[in-house]
Amino acid sequence: DSKILLVDDEPDILEFICYNLKKEGYEVHTANNGKQAIQEAIKYKPDLILLDVMMPEMDGVEACEEIRKVPDLEDTLIAFLTARGEDYSQIAGFDAGGDDYITKPIRPKVLISRIKAVLKRKTKTHFESKENNQAVFNLIIDRERYLVINKGVELNLSKKEFGQLDHHHNNDP
């Protein structure tokens, strides 16, 4: 089963998300701030880190940058939890090496389905032939399923649309 490290400075949010994740059968570890998140991540090597953006001591974006520097954790998926809808925090998050964004207030069903989608991407990328799925600017093109994954969001295209996109993509210099 997948291990998830949940990082948030608000105890009630930790408890709420933790409960919902454990109910789904995930192994959950928690941390209250960015510094602790890095230590826990190194200790447990989680499959996914849910990282709150706004935290004292070291915010989620900084923590993400530090985690990305640890060789053991380069494949760890990181999804930011953010209460802010501003685009700049998302851009900062992707620059720091984040894989996905989940906005608060968090609805458990949405959270679980996002987590499943993110974790599925991990297993896909690692075990499938890499040539078939080309990652371009955070865009994954899955030729077998006519699927384009943009920053973790799956776009189902018709064969025709997919063909056009794939055609353009292959003809790029």
Foldseek 3Di string as FASTA:
>chain_A
DFEEEEEAQDVVVCVVQVVLVVVVPYHYHYYHALVVSLVVCVVPVGQEYEAEQDHPPAGRLRSLLVNCVDVSNVNRAYEYEYQDPDPVSVVSNVVSPHQYYDYPPDDSVVVVVLVVLVSVVSVVCVPDDNVQWDQDQQWTQHVVQLWIAHSSRIDRDDPVVSVVVVVVVVPDD
